[in-house]
PDB file of all heavy atoms in Angstrom:
ATOM      1  N   ALA A   1       0.832  -1.208   0.000  1.00  0.00           N
ATOM      2  CA  ALA A   1      -0.005  -0.001  -0.001  1.00  0.00           C
ATOM      3  C   ALA A   1       0.873   1.252   0.001  1.00  0.00           C
ATOM      4  O   ALA A   1       0.578   2.225  -0.719  1.00  0.00           O
ATOM      5  CB  ALA A   1      -0.932  -0.013   1.211  1.00  0.00           C
ATOM      6  N   ALA A   2       1.932   1.238   0.782  1.00  0.00           N
ATOM      7  CA  ALA A   2       2.847   2.392   0.814  1.00  0.00           C
ATOM      8  C   ALA A   2       3.529   2.587  -0.535  1.00  0.00           C
ATOM      9  O   ALA A   2       3.665   3.720  -1.014  1.00  0.00           O
ATOM     10  CB  ALA A   2       3.877   2.216   1.918  1.00  0.00           C
ATOM     11  N   ALA A   3       3.950   1.479  -1.153  1.00  0.00           N
ATOM     12  CA  ALA A   3       4.607   1.558  -2.478  1.00  0.00           C
ATOM     13  C   ALA A   3       3.633   2.135  -3.506  1.00  0.00           C
ATOM     14  O   ALA A   3       4.025   2.951  -4.354  1.00  0.00           O
ATOM     15  CB  ALA A   3       5.104   0.198  -2.908  1.00  0.00           C
ATOM     16  N   LYS A   4       2.370   1.750  -3.410  1.00  0.00           N
ATOM     17  CA  LYS A   4       1.383   2.268  -4.352  1.00  0.00           C
ATOM     18  C   LYS A   4       1.187   3.766  -4.133  1.00  0.00           C
ATOM     19  O   LYS A   4       1.089   4.527  -5.097  1.00  0.00           O
ATOM     20  CB  LYS A   4       0.045   1.536  -4.165  1.00  0.00           C
ATOM     21  CG  LYS A   4      -1.024   1.991  -5.140  1.00  0.00           C
ATOM     22  CD  LYS A   4      -2.317   1.236  -4.952  1.00  0.00           C
ATOM     23  CE  LYS A   4      -3.359   1.779  -5.937  1.00  0.00           C
ATOM     24  NZ  LYS A   4      -4.635   1.158  -5.767  1.00  0.00           N
ATOM     25  N   ARG A   5       1.151   4.220  -2.871  1.00  0.00           N
ATOM     26  CA  ARG A   5       0.993   5.643  -2.586  1.00  0.00           C
ATOM     27  C   ARG A   5       2.208   6.433  -3.090  1.00  0.00           C
ATOM     28  O   ARG A   5       2.060   7.541  -3.620  1.00  0.00           O
ATOM     29  CB  ARG A   5       0.787   5.880  -1.094  1.00  0.00           C
ATOM     30  CG  ARG A   5      -0.601   5.463  -0.609  1.00  0.00           C
ATOM     31  CD  ARG A   5      -0.913   5.956   0.796  1.00  0.00           C
ATOM     32  NE  ARG A   5       0.052   5.560   1.802  1.00  0.00           N
ATOM     33  CZ  ARG A   5       0.019   4.440   2.501  1.00  0.00           C
ATOM     34  NH1 ARG A   5      -0.957   3.574   2.321  1.00  0.00           N
ATOM     35  NH2 ARG A   5       0.943   4.190   3.412  1.00  0.00           N
ATOM     36  N   VAL A   6       3.395   5.869  -2.941  1.00  0.00           N
ATOM     37  CA  VAL A   6       4.607   6.530  -3.443  1.00  0.00           C
ATOM     38  C   VAL A   6       4.537   6.653  -4.949  1.00  0.00           C
ATOM     39  O   VAL A   6       4.837   7.724  -5.523  1.00  0.00           O
ATOM     40  CB  VAL A   6       5.879   5.777  -3.005  1.00  0.00           C
ATOM     41  CG1 VAL A   6       7.095   6.262  -3.763  1.00  0.00           C
ATOM     42  CG2 VAL A   6       6.095   5.912  -1.509  1.00  0.00           C
ATOM     43  N   GLN A   7       4.128   5.590  -5.637  1.00  0.00           N
ATOM     44  CA  GLN A   7       4.026   5.628  -7.093  1.00  0.00           C
ATOM     45  C   GLN A   7       3.012   6.684  -7.532  1.00  0.00           C
ATOM     46  O   GLN A   7       3.254   7.447  -8.456  1.00  0.00           O
ATOM     47  CB  GLN A   7       3.628   4.268  -7.640  1.00  0.00           C
ATOM     48  CG  GLN A   7       3.513   4.237  -9.160  1.00  0.00           C
ATOM     49  CD  GLN A   7       3.110   2.878  -9.702  1.00  0.00           C
ATOM     50  OE1 GLN A   7       2.888   1.938  -8.953  1.00  0.00           O
ATOM     51  NE2 GLN A   7       2.987   2.783 -10.995  1.00  0.00           N
ATOM     52  N   GLU A   8       1.869   6.729  -6.846  1.00  0.00           N
ATOM     53  CA  GLU A   8       0.844   7.714  -7.180  1.00  0.00           C
ATOM     54  C   GLU A   8       1.364   9.129  -6.964  1.00  0.00           C
ATOM     55  O   GLU A   8       1.099  10.030  -7.752  1.00  0.00           O
ATOM     56  CB  GLU A   8      -0.421   7.469  -6.366  1.00  0.00           C
ATOM     57  CG  GLU A   8      -1.165   6.222  -6.779  1.00  0.00           C
ATOM     58  CD  GLU A   8      -2.280   5.832  -5.806  1.00  0.00           C
ATOM     59  OE1 GLU A   8      -2.397   6.447  -4.725  1.00  0.00           O
ATOM     60  OE2 GLU A   8      -3.040   4.906  -6.144  1.00  0.00           O
ATOM     61  N   ALA A   9       2.126   9.315  -5.868  1.00  0.00           N
ATOM     62  CA  ALA A   9       2.694  10.640  -5.596  1.00  0.00           C
ATOM     63  C   ALA A   9       3.699  11.028  -6.657  1.00  0.00           C
ATOM     64  O   ALA A   9       3.747  12.187  -7.098  1.00  0.00           O
ATOM     65  CB  ALA A   9       3.348  10.652  -4.212  1.00  0.00           C
ATOM     66  N   GLN A  10       4.526  10.071  -7.128  1.00  0.00           N
ATOM     67  CA  GLN A  10       5.506  10.353  -8.161  1.00  0.00           C
ATOM     68  C   GLN A  10       4.803  10.738  -9.467  1.00  0.00           C
ATOM     69  O   GLN A  10       5.209  11.666 -10.152  1.00  0.00           O
ATOM     70  CB  GLN A  10       6.425   9.159  -8.386  1.00  0.00           C
ATOM     71  CG  GLN A  10       7.432   8.967  -7.279  1.00  0.00           C
ATOM     72  CD  GLN A  10       8.249   7.701  -7.443  1.00  0.00           C
ATOM     73  OE1 GLN A  10       7.793   6.720  -7.997  1.00  0.00           O
ATOM     74  NE2 GLN A  10       9.460   7.727  -6.897  1.00  0.00           N
ATOM     75  N   GLU A  11       3.734  10.022  -9.798  1.00  0.00           N
ATOM     76  CA  GLU A  11       3.003  10.330 -11.027  1.00  0.00           C
ATOM     77  C   GLU A  11       2.360  11.714 -10.910  1.00  0.00           C
ATOM     78  O   GLU A  11       2.344  12.478 -11.867  1.00  0.00           O
ATOM     79  CB  GLU A  11       1.941   9.258 -11.283  1.00  0.00           C
ATOM     80  CG  GLU A  11       2.534   7.934 -11.712  1.00  0.00           C
ATOM     81  CD  GLU A  11       1.499   6.825 -11.800  1.00  0.00           C
ATOM     82  OE1 GLU A  11       0.298   7.058 -11.496  1.00  0.00           O
ATOM     83  OE2 GLU A  11       1.886   5.701 -12.166  1.00  0.00           O
ATOM     84  N   SER A  12       1.844  12.031  -9.735  1.00  0.00           N
ATOM     85  CA  SER A  12       1.242  13.344  -9.512  1.00  0.00           C
ATOM     86  C   SER A  12       2.301  14.443  -9.654  1.00  0.00           C
ATOM     87  O   SER A  12       2.035  15.480 -10.242  1.00  0.00           O
ATOM     88  CB  SER A  12       0.590  13.385  -8.134  1.00  0.00           C
ATOM     89  OG  SER A  12       0.008  14.628  -7.906  1.00  0.00           O
ATOM     90  N   LEU A  13       3.483  14.191  -9.122  1.00  0.00           N
ATOM     91  CA  LEU A  13       4.579  15.167  -9.234  1.00  0.00           C
ATOM     92  C   LEU A  13       4.970  15.356 -10.687  1.00  0.00           C
ATOM     93  O   LEU A  13       5.167  16.481 -11.142  1.00  0.00           O
ATOM     94  CB  LEU A  13       5.794  14.699  -8.420  1.00  0.00           C
ATOM     95  CG  LEU A  13       7.059  15.548  -8.543  1.00  0.00           C
ATOM     96  CD1 LEU A  13       6.805  16.964  -8.039  1.00  0.00           C
ATOM     97  CD2 LEU A  13       8.198  14.899  -7.779  1.00  0.00           C
ATOM     98  N   GLU A  14       5.079  14.247 -11.445  1.00  0.00           N
ATOM     99  CA  GLU A  14       5.437  14.363 -12.867  1.00  0.00           C
ATOM    100  C   GLU A  14       4.402  15.190 -13.611  1.00  0.00           C
ATOM    101  O   GLU A  14       4.757  16.050 -14.428  1.00  0.00           O
ATOM    102  CB  GLU A  14       5.540  12.968 -13.503  1.00  0.00           C
ATOM    103  CG  GLU A  14       6.752  12.181 -13.072  1.00  0.00           C
ATOM    104  CD  GLU A  14       6.785  10.787 -13.679  1.00  0.00           C
ATOM    105  OE1 GLU A  14       5.850  10.402 -14.431  1.00  0.00           O
ATOM    106  OE2 GLU A  14       7.773  10.063 -13.411  1.00  0.00           O
ATOM    107  N   GLU A  15       3.136  14.957 -13.330  1.00  0.00           N
ATOM    108  CA  GLU A  15       2.081  15.712 -13.998  1.00  0.00           C
ATOM    109  C   GLU A  15       2.155  17.193 -13.634  1.00  0.00           C
ATOM    110  O   GLU A  15       1.980  18.060 -14.499  1.00  0.00           O
ATOM    111  CB  GLU A  15       0.710  15.142 -13.645  1.00  0.00           C
ATOM    112  CG  GLU A  15       0.450  13.792 -14.278  1.00  0.00           C
ATOM    113  CD  GLU A  15      -0.843  13.162 -13.827  1.00  0.00           C
ATOM    114  OE1 GLU A  15      -1.707  13.850 -13.249  1.00  0.00           O
ATOM    115  OE2 GLU A  15      -1.008  11.948 -14.066  1.00  0.00           O
ATOM    116  N   ALA A  16       2.438  17.482 -12.365  1.00  0.00           N
ATOM    117  CA  ALA A  16       2.551  18.883 -11.937  1.00  0.00           C
ATOM    118  C   ALA A  16       3.733  19.553 -12.614  1.00  0.00           C
ATOM    119  O   ALA A  16       3.654  20.719 -13.013  1.00  0.00           O
ATOM    120  CB  ALA A  16       2.687  18.953 -10.407  1.00  0.00           C
ATOM    121  N   GLN A  17       4.852  18.830 -12.759  1.00  0.00           N
ATOM    122  CA  GLN A  17       6.021  19.384 -13.429  1.00  0.00           C
ATOM    123  C   GLN A  17       5.706  19.681 -14.897  1.00  0.00           C
ATOM    124  O   GLN A  17       6.115  20.713 -15.422  1.00  0.00           O
ATOM    125  CB  GLN A  17       7.215  18.426 -13.334  1.00  0.00           C
ATOM    126  CG  GLN A  17       7.815  18.363 -11.948  1.00  0.00           C
ATOM    127  CD  GLN A  17       8.899  17.302 -11.863  1.00  0.00           C
ATOM    128  OE1 GLN A  17       8.830  16.240 -12.468  1.00  0.00           O
ATOM    129  NE2 GLN A  17       9.918  17.592 -11.055  1.00  0.00           N
ATOM    130  N   LEU A  18       4.990  18.780 -15.535  1.00  0.00           N
ATOM    131  CA  LEU A  18       4.609  19.001 -16.942  1.00  0.00           C
ATOM    132  C   LEU A  18       3.686  20.210 -17.072  1.00  0.00           C
ATOM    133  O   LEU A  18       3.841  21.015 -17.996  1.00  0.00           O
ATOM    134  CB  LEU A  18       3.941  17.754 -17.522  1.00  0.00           C
ATOM    135  CG  LEU A  18       4.858  16.548 -17.731  1.00  0.00           C
ATOM    136  CD1 LEU A  18       4.019  15.328 -18.119  1.00  0.00           C
ATOM    137  CD2 LEU A  18       5.896  16.845 -18.786  1.00  0.00           C
ATOM    138  N   ARG A  19       2.717  20.325 -16.171  1.00  0.00           N
ATOM    139  CA  ARG A  19       1.820  21.472 -16.213  1.00  0.00           C
ATOM    140  C   ARG A  19       2.588  22.769 -15.992  1.00  0.00           C
ATOM    141  O   ARG A  19       2.340  23.786 -16.655  1.00  0.00           O
ATOM    142  CB  ARG A  19       0.695  21.342 -15.186  1.00  0.00           C
ATOM    143  CG  ARG A  19      -0.376  20.340 -15.603  1.00  0.00           C
ATOM    144  CD  ARG A  19      -1.605  20.426 -14.713  1.00  0.00           C
ATOM    145  NE  ARG A  19      -1.327  20.288 -13.295  1.00  0.00           N
ATOM    146  CZ  ARG A  19      -1.275  19.121 -12.633  1.00  0.00           C
ATOM    147  NH1 ARG A  19      -1.497  18.015 -13.280  1.00  0.00           N
ATOM    148  NH2 ARG A  19      -1.024  19.089 -11.344  1.00  0.00           N
ATOM    149  N   ALA A  20       3.539  22.764 -15.045  1.00  0.00           N
ATOM    150  CA  ALA A  20       4.320  23.948 -14.781  1.00  0.00           C
ATOM    151  C   ALA A  20       5.161  24.329 -16.000  1.00  0.00           C
ATOM    152  O   ALA A  20       5.252  25.516 -16.367  1.00  0.00           O
ATOM    153  CB  ALA A  20       5.241  23.739 -13.573  1.00  0.00           C
ATOM    154  N   GLU A  21       5.767  23.366 -16.665  1.00  0.00           N
ATOM    155  CA  GLU A  21       6.565  23.630 -17.851  1.00  0.00           C
ATOM    156  C   GLU A  21       5.680  24.172 -18.976  1.00  0.00           C
ATOM    157  O   GLU A  21       6.037  25.139 -19.638  1.00  0.00           O
ATOM    158  CB  GLU A  21       7.278  22.356 -18.332  1.00  0.00           C
ATOM    159  CG  GLU A  21       8.019  22.491 -19.642  1.00  0.00           C
ATOM    160  CD  GLU A  21       9.241  23.373 -19.597  1.00  0.00           C
ATOM    161  OE1 GLU A  21       9.716  23.700 -18.468  1.00  0.00           O
ATOM    162  OE2 GLU A  21       9.738  23.763 -20.668  1.00  0.00           O
ATOM    163  N   ALA A  22       4.508  23.571 -19.137  1.00  0.00           N
ATOM    164  CA  ALA A  22       3.584  24.053 -20.181  1.00  0.00           C
ATOM    165  C   ALA A  22       3.137  25.477 -19.879  1.00  0.00           C
ATOM    166  O   ALA A  22       3.083  26.326 -20.774  1.00  0.00           O
ATOM    167  CB  ALA A  22       2.381  23.129 -20.292  1.00  0.00           C
ATOM    168  N   SER A  23       2.857  25.761 -18.626  1.00  0.00           N
ATOM    169  CA  SER A  23       2.455  27.120 -18.241  1.00  0.00           C
ATOM    170  C   SER A  23       3.560  28.120 -18.498  1.00  0.00           C
ATOM    171  O   SER A  23       3.320  29.223 -18.969  1.00  0.00           O
ATOM    172  CB  SER A  23       2.050  27.162 -16.761  1.00  0.00           C
ATOM    173  OG  SER A  23       0.921  26.364 -16.533  1.00  0.00           O
ATOM    174  N   ARG A  24       4.783  27.724 -18.200  1.00  0.00           N
ATOM    175  CA  ARG A  24       5.933  28.591 -18.428  1.00  0.00           C
ATOM    176  C   ARG A  24       6.085  28.886 -19.918  1.00  0.00           C
ATOM    177  O   ARG A  24       6.317  30.024 -20.338  1.00  0.00           O
ATOM    178  CB  ARG A  24       7.213  27.997 -17.859  1.00  0.00           C
ATOM    179  CG  ARG A  24       8.393  28.958 -17.888  1.00  0.00           C
ATOM    180  CD  ARG A  24       9.697  28.314 -17.448  1.00  0.00           C
ATOM    181  NE  ARG A  24      10.084  27.218 -18.298  1.00  0.00           N
ATOM    182  CZ  ARG A  24      10.581  27.368 -19.531  1.00  0.00           C
ATOM    183  NH1 ARG A  24      10.723  28.553 -20.044  1.00  0.00           N
ATOM    184  NH2 ARG A  24      10.926  26.316 -20.254  1.00  0.00           N
ATOM    185  N   GLU A  25       5.922  27.836 -20.745  1.00  0.00           N
ATOM    186  CA  GLU A  25       6.041  28.019 -22.192  1.00  0.00           C
ATOM    187  C   GLU A  25       4.936  28.946 -22.716  1.00  0.00           C
ATOM    188  O   GLU A  25       5.199  29.800 -23.568  1.00  0.00           O
ATOM    189  CB  GLU A  25       6.004  26.670 -22.898  1.00  0.00           C
ATOM    190  CG  GLU A  25       7.259  25.839 -22.653  1.00  0.00           C
ATOM    191  CD  GLU A  25       7.173  24.445 -23.272  1.00  0.00           C
ATOM    192  OE1 GLU A  25       6.197  24.140 -23.977  1.00  0.00           O
ATOM    193  OE2 GLU A  25       8.100  23.655 -23.018  1.00  0.00           O
ATOM    194  N   VAL A  26       3.736  28.779 -22.218  1.00  0.00           N
ATOM    195  CA  VAL A  26       2.633  29.647 -22.642  1.00  0.00           C
ATOM    196  C   VAL A  26       2.925  31.086 -22.230  1.00  0.00           C
ATOM    197  O   VAL A  26       2.740  32.018 -23.020  1.00  0.00           O
ATOM    198  CB  VAL A  26       1.286  29.177 -22.051  1.00  0.00           C
ATOM    199  CG1 VAL A  26       0.197  30.211 -22.226  1.00  0.00           C
ATOM    200  CG2 VAL A  26       0.864  27.849 -22.691  1.00  0.00           C
TER     201      VAL A  26
END
């Protein structure tokens, strides 16, 4: 369960980084 939460958190972080990069480019 902890490993699954870590994976979900990493995916959430990746998505946030992509959104931040896209916002910066815009």
